[in-house]
Amino acid sequence: MPFALALIGYSAATATGLLVVEFEDMLFWIAEGWTDSTVIILITSTFFALIIVTLPGMYPFRAIKAAGDLVVGRRLKILLRLIWMGVGVVLVWR
């Protein structure tokens, strides 16, 4: 979602002439990469929080904290596994 919004913003900025210099274009994509990486970090822990919150006696904010503790140092491995899971679902769906 953030990448799609950035593409809309980028097309609007180039159409109005806001990003005519390569330096401004580079700054835009650096900010976009930073935003996307932040969203990816939040998605990996939120995915596990959705599972943890189903435990009896667990509340949403405690689940988010527990999920954050679980994925520390393993975010990239977890993210790659989630991507491969999505690829497998798409292949089987067809």
PDB file of N, CA and C in Angstrom:
ATOM      1  N   MET A   1       0.812  -1.196   0.000  1.00  0.00           N
ATOM      2  CA  MET A   1       0.000   0.000   0.000  1.00  0.00           C
ATOM      3  C   MET A   1       0.862   1.270   0.000  1.00  0.00           C
ATOM      4  N   PRO A   2       1.883   1.358   0.845  1.00  0.00           N
ATOM      5  CA  PRO A   2       2.697   2.571   0.809  1.00  0.00           C
ATOM      6  C   PRO A   2       3.411   2.747  -0.528  1.00  0.00           C
ATOM      7  N   PHE A   3       3.817   1.627  -1.143  1.00  0.00           N
ATOM      8  CA  PHE A   3       4.495   1.737  -2.436  1.00  0.00           C
ATOM      9  C   PHE A   3       3.541   2.254  -3.500  1.00  0.00           C
ATOM     10  N   ALA A   4       2.290   1.809  -3.465  1.00  0.00           N
ATOM     11  CA  ALA A   4       1.299   2.285  -4.426  1.00  0.00           C
ATOM     12  C   ALA A   4       1.015   3.774  -4.224  1.00  0.00           C
ATOM     13  N   LEU A   5       0.915   4.195  -2.973  1.00  0.00           N
ATOM     14  CA  LEU A   5       0.712   5.619  -2.707  1.00  0.00           C
ATOM     15  C   LEU A   5       1.914   6.444  -3.152  1.00  0.00           C
ATOM     16  N   ALA A   6       3.108   5.887  -3.015  1.00  0.00           N
ATOM     17  CA  ALA A   6       4.307   6.600  -3.457  1.00  0.00           C
ATOM     18  C   ALA A   6       4.323   6.737  -4.979  1.00  0.00           C
ATOM     19  N   LEU A   7       3.864   5.703  -5.679  1.00  0.00           N
ATOM     20  CA  LEU A   7       3.808   5.803  -7.138  1.00  0.00           C
ATOM     21  C   LEU A   7       2.820   6.875  -7.582  1.00  0.00           C
ATOM     22  N   ILE A   8       1.712   6.984  -6.884  1.00  0.00           N
ATOM     23  CA  ILE A   8       0.742   8.041  -7.193  1.00  0.00           C
ATOM     24  C   ILE A   8       1.359   9.406  -6.918  1.00  0.00           C
ATOM     25  N   GLY A   9       2.026   9.532  -5.775  1.00  0.00           N
ATOM     26  CA  GLY A   9       2.692  10.789  -5.435  1.00  0.00           C
ATOM     27  C   GLY A   9       3.803  11.122  -6.411  1.00  0.00           C
ATOM     28  N   TYR A  10       4.557  10.100  -6.839  1.00  0.00           N
ATOM     29  CA  TYR A  10       5.657  10.324  -7.783  1.00  0.00           C
ATOM     30  C   TYR A  10       5.128  10.790  -9.141  1.00  0.00           C
ATOM     31  N   SER A  11       4.069  10.154  -9.607  1.00  0.00           N
ATOM     32  CA  SER A  11       3.514  10.570 -10.899  1.00  0.00           C
ATOM     33  C   SER A  11       2.932  11.975 -10.823  1.00  0.00           C
ATOM     34  N   ALA A  12       2.324  12.316  -9.695  1.00  0.00           N
ATOM     35  CA  ALA A  12       1.793  13.674  -9.535  1.00  0.00           C
ATOM     36  C   ALA A  12       2.924  14.695  -9.446  1.00  0.00           C
ATOM     37  N   ALA A  13       4.000  14.340  -8.752  1.00  0.00           N
ATOM     38  CA  ALA A  13       5.126  15.275  -8.602  1.00  0.00           C
ATOM     39  C   ALA A  13       5.863  15.477  -9.916  1.00  0.00           C
ATOM     40  N   THR A  14       6.002  14.431 -10.719  1.00  0.00           N
ATOM     41  CA  THR A  14       6.677  14.599 -12.008  1.00  0.00           C
ATOM     42  C   THR A  14       5.785  15.327 -13.006  1.00  0.00           C
ATOM     43  N   ALA A  15       4.484  15.131 -12.921  1.00  0.00           N
ATOM     44  CA  ALA A  15       3.576  15.817 -13.844  1.00  0.00           C
ATOM     45  C   ALA A  15       3.538  17.319 -13.574  1.00  0.00           C
ATOM     46  N   THR A  16       3.699  17.712 -12.330  1.00  0.00           N
ATOM     47  CA  THR A  16       3.684  19.138 -11.997  1.00  0.00           C
ATOM     48  C   THR A  16       5.063  19.776 -12.088  1.00  0.00           C
ATOM     49  N   GLY A  17       6.104  18.959 -12.317  1.00  0.00           N
ATOM     50  CA  GLY A  17       7.446  19.498 -12.449  1.00  0.00           C
ATOM     51  C   GLY A  17       8.166  19.684 -11.130  1.00  0.00           C
ATOM     52  N   LEU A  18       7.687  19.043 -10.095  1.00  0.00           N
ATOM     53  CA  LEU A  18       8.309  19.177  -8.780  1.00  0.00           C
ATOM     54  C   LEU A  18       9.629  18.415  -8.698  1.00  0.00           C
ATOM     55  N   LEU A  19       9.708  17.283  -9.370  1.00  0.00           N
ATOM     56  CA  LEU A  19      10.907  16.447  -9.324  1.00  0.00           C
ATOM     57  C   LEU A  19      11.650  16.512 -10.657  1.00  0.00           C
ATOM     58  N   VAL A  20      12.143  17.667 -11.030  1.00  0.00           N
ATOM     59  CA  VAL A  20      12.851  17.804 -12.299  1.00  0.00           C
ATOM     60  C   VAL A  20      14.343  17.570 -12.150  1.00  0.00           C
ATOM     61  N   VAL A  21      14.887  17.783 -10.965  1.00  0.00           N
ATOM     62  CA  VAL A  21      16.306  17.578 -10.715  1.00  0.00           C
ATOM     63  C   VAL A  21      16.503  16.164 -10.176  1.00  0.00           C
ATOM     64  N   GLU A  22      17.587  15.495 -10.608  1.00  0.00           N
ATOM     65  CA  GLU A  22      17.834  14.117 -10.186  1.00  0.00           C
ATOM     66  C   GLU A  22      18.025  14.005  -8.679  1.00  0.00           C
ATOM     67  N   PHE A  23      18.566  15.040  -8.054  1.00  0.00           N
ATOM     68  CA  PHE A  23      18.774  15.017  -6.613  1.00  0.00           C
ATOM     69  C   PHE A  23      17.445  14.940  -5.869  1.00  0.00           C
ATOM     70  N   GLU A  24      16.470  15.705  -6.316  1.00  0.00           N
ATOM     71  CA  GLU A  24      15.148  15.659  -5.682  1.00  0.00           C
ATOM     72  C   GLU A  24      14.495  14.301  -5.904  1.00  0.00           C
ATOM     73  N   ASP A  25      14.690  13.747  -7.081  1.00  0.00           N
ATOM     74  CA  ASP A  25      14.162  12.422  -7.395  1.00  0.00           C
ATOM     75  C   ASP A  25      14.794  11.367  -6.479  1.00  0.00           C
ATOM     76  N   MET A  26      16.106  11.464  -6.280  1.00  0.00           N
ATOM     77  CA  MET A  26      16.813  10.533  -5.405  1.00  0.00           C
ATOM     78  C   MET A  26      16.312  10.653  -3.965  1.00  0.00           C
ATOM     79  N   LEU A  27      16.121  11.871  -3.482  1.00  0.00           N
ATOM     80  CA  LEU A  27      15.615  12.061  -2.124  1.00  0.00           C
ATOM     81  C   LEU A  27      14.226  11.460  -1.959  1.00  0.00           C
ATOM     82  N   PHE A  28      13.397  11.595  -2.987  1.00  0.00           N
ATOM     83  CA  PHE A  28      12.055  11.023  -2.937  1.00  0.00           C
ATOM     84  C   PHE A  28      12.125   9.509  -2.789  1.00  0.00           C
ATOM     85  N   TRP A  29      12.975   8.840  -3.580  1.00  0.00           N
ATOM     86  CA  TRP A  29      13.047   7.386  -3.529  1.00  0.00           C
ATOM     87  C   TRP A  29      13.744   6.889  -2.276  1.00  0.00           C
ATOM     88  N   ILE A  30      14.653   7.663  -1.715  1.00  0.00           N
ATOM     89  CA  ILE A  30      15.254   7.287  -0.431  1.00  0.00           C
ATOM     90  C   ILE A  30      14.191   7.322   0.666  1.00  0.00           C
ATOM     91  N   ALA A  31      13.378   8.370   0.662  1.00  0.00           N
ATOM     92  CA  ALA A  31      12.293   8.465   1.646  1.00  0.00           C
ATOM     93  C   ALA A  31      11.285   7.340   1.444  1.00  0.00           C
ATOM     94  N   GLU A  32      11.016   6.989   0.204  1.00  0.00           N
ATOM     95  CA  GLU A  32      10.085   5.902  -0.074  1.00  0.00           C
ATOM     96  C   GLU A  32      10.644   4.565   0.392  1.00  0.00           C
ATOM     97  N   GLY A  33      11.916   4.318   0.169  1.00  0.00           N
ATOM     98  CA  GLY A  33      12.539   3.078   0.638  1.00  0.00           C
ATOM     99  C   GLY A  33      12.520   2.974   2.151  1.00  0.00           C
ATOM    100  N   TRP A  34      12.760   4.096   2.812  1.00  0.00           N
ATOM    101  CA  TRP A  34      12.722   4.108   4.271  1.00  0.00           C
ATOM    102  C   TRP A  34      11.308   3.808   4.776  1.00  0.00           C
ATOM    103  N   THR A  35      10.313   4.393   4.142  1.00  0.00           N
ATOM    104  CA  THR A  35       8.924   4.147   4.521  1.00  0.00           C
ATOM    105  C   THR A  35       8.546   2.691   4.299  1.00  0.00           C
ATOM    106  N   ASP A  36       8.932   2.138   3.148  1.00  0.00           N
ATOM    107  CA  ASP A  36       8.604   0.741   2.863  1.00  0.00           C
ATOM    108  C   ASP A  36       9.279  -0.208   3.840  1.00  0.00           C
ATOM    109  N   SER A  37      10.528   0.049   4.188  1.00  0.00           N
ATOM    110  CA  SER A  37      11.209  -0.836   5.133  1.00  0.00           C
ATOM    111  C   SER A  37      10.568  -0.757   6.523  1.00  0.00           C
ATOM    112  N   THR A  38      10.115   0.419   6.913  1.00  0.00           N
ATOM    113  CA  THR A  38       9.423   0.555   8.195  1.00  0.00           C
ATOM    114  C   THR A  38       8.110  -0.225   8.187  1.00  0.00           C
ATOM    115  N   VAL A  39       7.383  -0.158   7.094  1.00  0.00           N
ATOM    116  CA  VAL A  39       6.120  -0.891   6.989  1.00  0.00           C
ATOM    117  C   VAL A  39       6.367  -2.389   7.011  1.00  0.00           C
ATOM    118  N   ILE A  40       7.420  -2.852   6.353  1.00  0.00           N
ATOM    119  CA  ILE A  40       7.737  -4.278   6.349  1.00  0.00           C
ATOM    120  C   ILE A  40       8.076  -4.753   7.755  1.00  0.00           C
ATOM    121  N   ILE A  41       8.816  -3.956   8.495  1.00  0.00           N
ATOM    122  CA  ILE A  41       9.146  -4.310   9.879  1.00  0.00           C
ATOM    123  C   ILE A  41       7.880  -4.420  10.716  1.00  0.00           C
ATOM    124  N   LEU A  42       6.962  -3.488  10.539  1.00  0.00           N
ATOM    125  CA  LEU A  42       5.724  -3.526  11.317  1.00  0.00           C
ATOM    126  C   LEU A  42       4.826  -4.684  10.898  1.00  0.00           C
ATOM    127  N   ILE A  43       4.839  -5.042   9.625  1.00  0.00           N
ATOM    128  CA  ILE A  43       3.987  -6.130   9.151  1.00  0.00           C
ATOM    129  C   ILE A  43       4.429  -7.468   9.725  1.00  0.00           C
ATOM    130  N   THR A  44       5.743  -7.699   9.804  1.00  0.00           N
ATOM    131  CA  THR A  44       6.201  -8.999  10.302  1.00  0.00           C
ATOM    132  C   THR A  44       5.805  -9.224  11.754  1.00  0.00           C
ATOM    133  N   SER A  45       5.922  -8.214  12.576  1.00  0.00           N
ATOM    134  CA  SER A  45       5.528  -8.418  13.981  1.00  0.00           C
ATOM    135  C   SER A  45       4.012  -8.425  14.138  1.00  0.00           C
ATOM    136  N   THR A  46       3.302  -7.671  13.322  1.00  0.00           N
ATOM    137  CA  THR A  46       1.838  -7.650  13.410  1.00  0.00           C
ATOM    138  C   THR A  46       1.243  -8.982  12.995  1.00  0.00           C
ATOM    139  N   PHE A  47       1.862  -9.644  12.027  1.00  0.00           N
ATOM    140  CA  PHE A  47       1.384 -10.962  11.601  1.00  0.00           C
ATOM    141  C   PHE A  47       1.390 -11.937  12.770  1.00  0.00           C
ATOM    142  N   PHE A  48       2.468 -11.944  13.544  1.00  0.00           N
ATOM    143  CA  PHE A  48       2.536 -12.824  14.701  1.00  0.00           C
ATOM    144  C   PHE A  48       1.626 -12.350  15.828  1.00  0.00           C
ATOM    145  N   ALA A  49       1.416 -11.056  15.937  1.00  0.00           N
ATOM    146  CA  ALA A  49       0.518 -10.545  16.972  1.00  0.00           C
ATOM    147  C   ALA A  49      -0.911 -11.013  16.719  1.00  0.00           C
ATOM    148  N   LEU A  50      -1.297 -11.144  15.452  1.00  0.00           N
ATOM    149  CA  LEU A  50      -2.634 -11.647  15.140  1.00  0.00           C
ATOM    150  C   LEU A  50      -2.823 -13.085  15.606  1.00  0.00           C
ATOM    151  N   ILE A  51      -1.758 -13.841  15.607  1.00  0.00           N
ATOM    152  CA  ILE A  51      -1.833 -15.219  16.086  1.00  0.00           C
ATOM    153  C   ILE A  51      -1.796 -15.261  17.615  1.00  0.00           C
ATOM    154  N   ILE A  52      -0.925 -14.467  18.207  1.00  0.00           N
ATOM    155  CA  ILE A  52      -0.752 -14.475  19.661  1.00  0.00           C
ATOM    156  C   ILE A  52      -2.003 -13.975  20.374  1.00  0.00           C
ATOM    157  N   VAL A  53      -2.721 -13.046  19.775  1.00  0.00           N
ATOM    158  CA  VAL A  53      -3.888 -12.467  20.440  1.00  0.00           C
ATOM    159  C   VAL A  53      -5.013 -13.485  20.606  1.00  0.00           C
ATOM    160  N   THR A  54      -4.950 -14.599  19.885  1.00  0.00           N
ATOM    161  CA  THR A  54      -5.989 -15.616  20.033  1.00  0.00           C
ATOM    162  C   THR A  54      -5.793 -16.482  21.272  1.00  0.00           C
ATOM    163  N   LEU A  55      -4.655 -16.360  21.951  1.00  0.00           N
ATOM    164  CA  LEU A  55      -4.432 -17.125  23.183  1.00  0.00           C
ATOM    165  C   LEU A  55      -5.367 -16.626  24.288  1.00  0.00           C
ATOM    166  N   PRO A  56      -5.811 -17.508  25.153  1.00  0.00           N
ATOM    167  CA  PRO A  56      -6.708 -17.083  26.226  1.00  0.00           C
ATOM    168  C   PRO A  56      -6.026 -16.095  27.173  1.00  0.00           C
ATOM    169  N   GLY A  57      -6.724 -15.034  27.507  1.00  0.00           N
ATOM    170  CA  GLY A  57      -6.220 -14.040  28.446  1.00  0.00           C
ATOM    171  C   GLY A  57      -5.231 -13.052  27.846  1.00  0.00           C
ATOM    172  N   MET A  58      -5.059 -13.063  26.544  1.00  0.00           N
ATOM    173  CA  MET A  58      -4.107 -12.160  25.894  1.00  0.00           C
ATOM    174  C   MET A  58      -4.871 -10.965  25.328  1.00  0.00           C
ATOM    175  N   TYR A  59      -4.322  -9.796  25.557  1.00  0.00           N
ATOM    176  CA  TYR A  59      -4.916  -8.564  25.072  1.00  0.00           C
ATOM    177  C   TYR A  59      -4.100  -8.031  23.901  1.00  0.00           C
ATOM    178  N   PRO A  60      -4.685  -7.196  23.050  1.00  0.00           N
ATOM    179  CA  PRO A  60      -3.998  -6.774  21.821  1.00  0.00           C
ATOM    180  C   PRO A  60      -2.636  -6.112  22.032  1.00  0.00           C
ATOM    181  N   PHE A  61      -2.519  -5.183  22.958  1.00  0.00           N
ATOM    182  CA  PHE A  61      -1.245  -4.504  23.134  1.00  0.00           C
ATOM    183  C   PHE A  61      -0.184  -5.419  23.737  1.00  0.00           C
ATOM    184  N   ARG A  62      -0.602  -6.341  24.593  1.00  0.00           N
ATOM    185  CA  ARG A  62       0.346  -7.338  25.117  1.00  0.00           C
ATOM    186  C   ARG A  62       0.786  -8.284  24.011  1.00  0.00           C
ATOM    187  N   ALA A  63      -0.128  -8.595  23.087  1.00  0.00           N
ATOM    188  CA  ALA A  63       0.212  -9.467  21.957  1.00  0.00           C
ATOM    189  C   ALA A  63       1.212  -8.791  21.029  1.00  0.00           C
ATOM    190  N   ILE A  64       1.045  -7.499  20.796  1.00  0.00           N
ATOM    191  CA  ILE A  64       1.989  -6.768  19.944  1.00  0.00           C
ATOM    192  C   ILE A  64       3.370  -6.751  20.582  1.00  0.00           C
ATOM    193  N   LYS A  65       3.425  -6.541  21.891  1.00  0.00           N
ATOM    194  CA  LYS A  65       4.714  -6.527  22.593  1.00  0.00           C
ATOM    195  C   LYS A  65       5.361  -7.903  22.557  1.00  0.00           C
ATOM    196  N   ALA A  66       4.577  -8.950  22.771  1.00  0.00           N
ATOM    197  CA  ALA A  66       5.117 -10.315  22.737  1.00  0.00           C
ATOM    198  C   ALA A  66       5.592 -10.679  21.337  1.00  0.00           C
ATOM    199  N   ALA A  67       4.854 -10.269  20.322  1.00  0.00           N
ATOM    200  CA  ALA A  67       5.257 -10.557  18.945  1.00  0.00           C
ATOM    201  C   ALA A  67       6.537  -9.820  18.587  1.00  0.00           C
ATOM    202  N   GLY A  68       6.667  -8.601  19.051  1.00  0.00           N
ATOM    203  CA  GLY A  68       7.904  -7.855  18.816  1.00  0.00           C
ATOM    204  C   GLY A  68       9.097  -8.529  19.441  1.00  0.00           C
ATOM    205  N   ASP A  69       8.894  -9.096  20.637  1.00  0.00           N
ATOM    206  CA  ASP A  69       9.981  -9.824  21.303  1.00  0.00           C
ATOM    207  C   ASP A  69      10.327 -11.113  20.564  1.00  0.00           C
ATOM    208  N   LEU A  70       9.337 -11.736  19.928  1.00  0.00           N
ATOM    209  CA  LEU A  70       9.581 -12.989  19.212  1.00  0.00           C
ATOM    210  C   LEU A  70      10.377 -12.792  17.920  1.00  0.00           C
ATOM    211  N   VAL A  71      10.132 -11.716  17.214  1.00  0.00           N
ATOM    212  CA  VAL A  71      10.738 -11.552  15.889  1.00  0.00           C
ATOM    213  C   VAL A  71      12.048 -10.768  15.898  1.00  0.00           C
ATOM    214  N   VAL A  72      12.515 -10.369  17.049  1.00  0.00           N
ATOM    215  CA  VAL A  72      13.771  -9.614  17.117  1.00  0.00           C
ATOM    216  C   VAL A  72      14.904 -10.475  16.548  1.00  0.00           C
ATOM    217  N   GLY A  73      15.607  -9.938  15.564  1.00  0.00           N
ATOM    218  CA  GLY A  73      16.726 -10.639  14.956  1.00  0.00           C
ATOM    219  C   GLY A  73      16.347 -11.655  13.902  1.00  0.00           C
ATOM    220  N   ARG A  74      15.060 -11.881  13.695  1.00  0.00           N
ATOM    221  CA  ARG A  74      14.611 -12.884  12.723  1.00  0.00           C
ATOM    222  C   ARG A  74      13.666 -12.310  11.680  1.00  0.00           C
ATOM    223  N   ARG A  75      13.570 -11.005  11.589  1.00  0.00           N
ATOM    224  CA  ARG A  75      12.577 -10.388  10.712  1.00  0.00           C
ATOM    225  C   ARG A  75      12.770 -10.750   9.242  1.00  0.00           C
ATOM    226  N   LEU A  76      13.985 -10.736   8.763  1.00  0.00           N
ATOM    227  CA  LEU A  76      14.225 -11.029   7.352  1.00  0.00           C
ATOM    228  C   LEU A  76      13.876 -12.471   7.025  1.00  0.00           C
ATOM    229  N   LYS A  77      14.268 -13.390   7.893  1.00  0.00           N
ATOM    230  CA  LYS A  77      13.947 -14.800   7.668  1.00  0.00           C
ATOM    231  C   LYS A  77      12.430 -15.018   7.680  1.00  0.00           C
ATOM    232  N   ILE A  78      11.747 -14.388   8.594  1.00  0.00           N
ATOM    233  CA  ILE A  78      10.293 -14.509   8.681  1.00  0.00           C
ATOM    234  C   ILE A  78       9.637 -13.902   7.448  1.00  0.00           C
ATOM    235  N   LEU A  79      10.128 -12.741   7.032  1.00  0.00           N
ATOM    236  CA  LEU A  79       9.563 -12.083   5.861  1.00  0.00           C
ATOM    237  C   LEU A  79       9.747 -12.932   4.611  1.00  0.00           C
ATOM    238  N   LEU A  80      10.919 -13.515   4.432  1.00  0.00           N
ATOM    239  CA  LEU A  80      11.142 -14.367   3.261  1.00  0.00           C
ATOM    240  C   LEU A  80      10.238 -15.591   3.278  1.00  0.00           C
ATOM    241  N   ARG A  81      10.013 -16.154   4.451  1.00  0.00           N
ATOM    242  CA  ARG A  81       9.102 -17.300   4.543  1.00  0.00           C
ATOM    243  C   ARG A  81       7.669 -16.902   4.223  1.00  0.00           C
ATOM    244  N   LEU A  82       7.258 -15.721   4.667  1.00  0.00           N
ATOM    245  CA  LEU A  82       5.908 -15.252   4.331  1.00  0.00           C
ATOM    246  C   LEU A  82       5.765 -15.015   2.828  1.00  0.00           C
ATOM    247  N   ILE A  83       6.813 -14.493   2.201  1.00  0.00           N
ATOM    248  CA  ILE A  83       6.770 -14.277   0.747  1.00  0.00           C
ATOM    249  C   ILE A  83       6.672 -15.612   0.017  1.00  0.00           C
ATOM    250  N   TRP A  84       7.480 -16.599   0.439  1.00  0.00           N
ATOM    251  CA  TRP A  84       7.421 -17.905  -0.191  1.00  0.00           C
ATOM    252  C   TRP A  84       6.065 -18.570   0.028  1.00  0.00           C
ATOM    253  N   MET A  85       5.464 -18.337   1.183  1.00  0.00           N
ATOM    254  CA  MET A  85       4.134 -18.866   1.437  1.00  0.00           C
ATOM    255  C   MET A  85       3.133 -18.257   0.464  1.00  0.00           C
ATOM    256  N   GLY A  86       3.256 -16.949   0.227  1.00  0.00           N
ATOM    257  CA  GLY A  86       2.374 -16.289  -0.731  1.00  0.00           C
ATOM    258  C   GLY A  86       2.579 -16.795  -2.145  1.00  0.00           C
ATOM    259  N   VAL A  87       3.832 -17.044  -2.529  1.00  0.00           N
ATOM    260  CA  VAL A  87       4.116 -17.592  -3.861  1.00  0.00           C
ATOM    261  C   VAL A  87       3.500 -18.983  -3.988  1.00  0.00           C
ATOM    262  N   GLY A  88       3.638 -19.796  -2.959  1.00  0.00           N
ATOM    263  CA  GLY A  88       3.047 -21.137  -2.985  1.00  0.00           C
ATOM    264  C   GLY A  88       1.534 -21.093  -3.092  1.00  0.00           C
ATOM    265  N   VAL A  89       0.915 -20.183  -2.392  1.00  0.00           N
ATOM    266  CA  VAL A  89      -0.549 -20.054  -2.473  1.00  0.00           C
ATOM    267  C   VAL A  89      -0.975 -19.645  -3.881  1.00  0.00           C
ATOM    268  N   VAL A  90      -0.235 -18.722  -4.475  1.00  0.00           N
ATOM    269  CA  VAL A  90      -0.577 -18.282  -5.841  1.00  0.00           C
ATOM    270  C   VAL A  90      -0.405 -19.428  -6.825  1.00  0.00           C
ATOM    271  N   LEU A  91       0.665 -20.207  -6.688  1.00  0.00           N
ATOM    272  CA  LEU A  91       0.876 -21.335  -7.598  1.00  0.00           C
ATOM    273  C   LEU A  91      -0.187 -22.406  -7.438  1.00  0.00           C
ATOM    274  N   VAL A  92      -0.572 -22.696  -6.216  1.00  0.00           N
ATOM    275  CA  VAL A  92      -1.595 -23.727  -5.991  1.00  0.00           C
ATOM    276  C   VAL A  92      -2.962 -23.225  -6.427  1.00  0.00           C
ATOM    277  N   TRP A  93      -3.226 -21.968  -6.263  1.00  0.00           N
ATOM    278  CA  TRP A  93      -4.520 -21.382  -6.606  1.00  0.00           C
ATOM    279  C   TRP A  93      -4.811 -21.550  -8.089  1.00  0.00           C
ATOM    280  N   ARG A  94      -3.772 -21.417  -8.880  1.00  0.00           N
ATOM    281  CA  ARG A  94      -3.935 -21.486 -10.318  1.00  0.00           C
ATOM    282  C   ARG A  94      -4.308 -22.866 -10.712  1.00  0.00           C
TER     283      ARG A  94
END
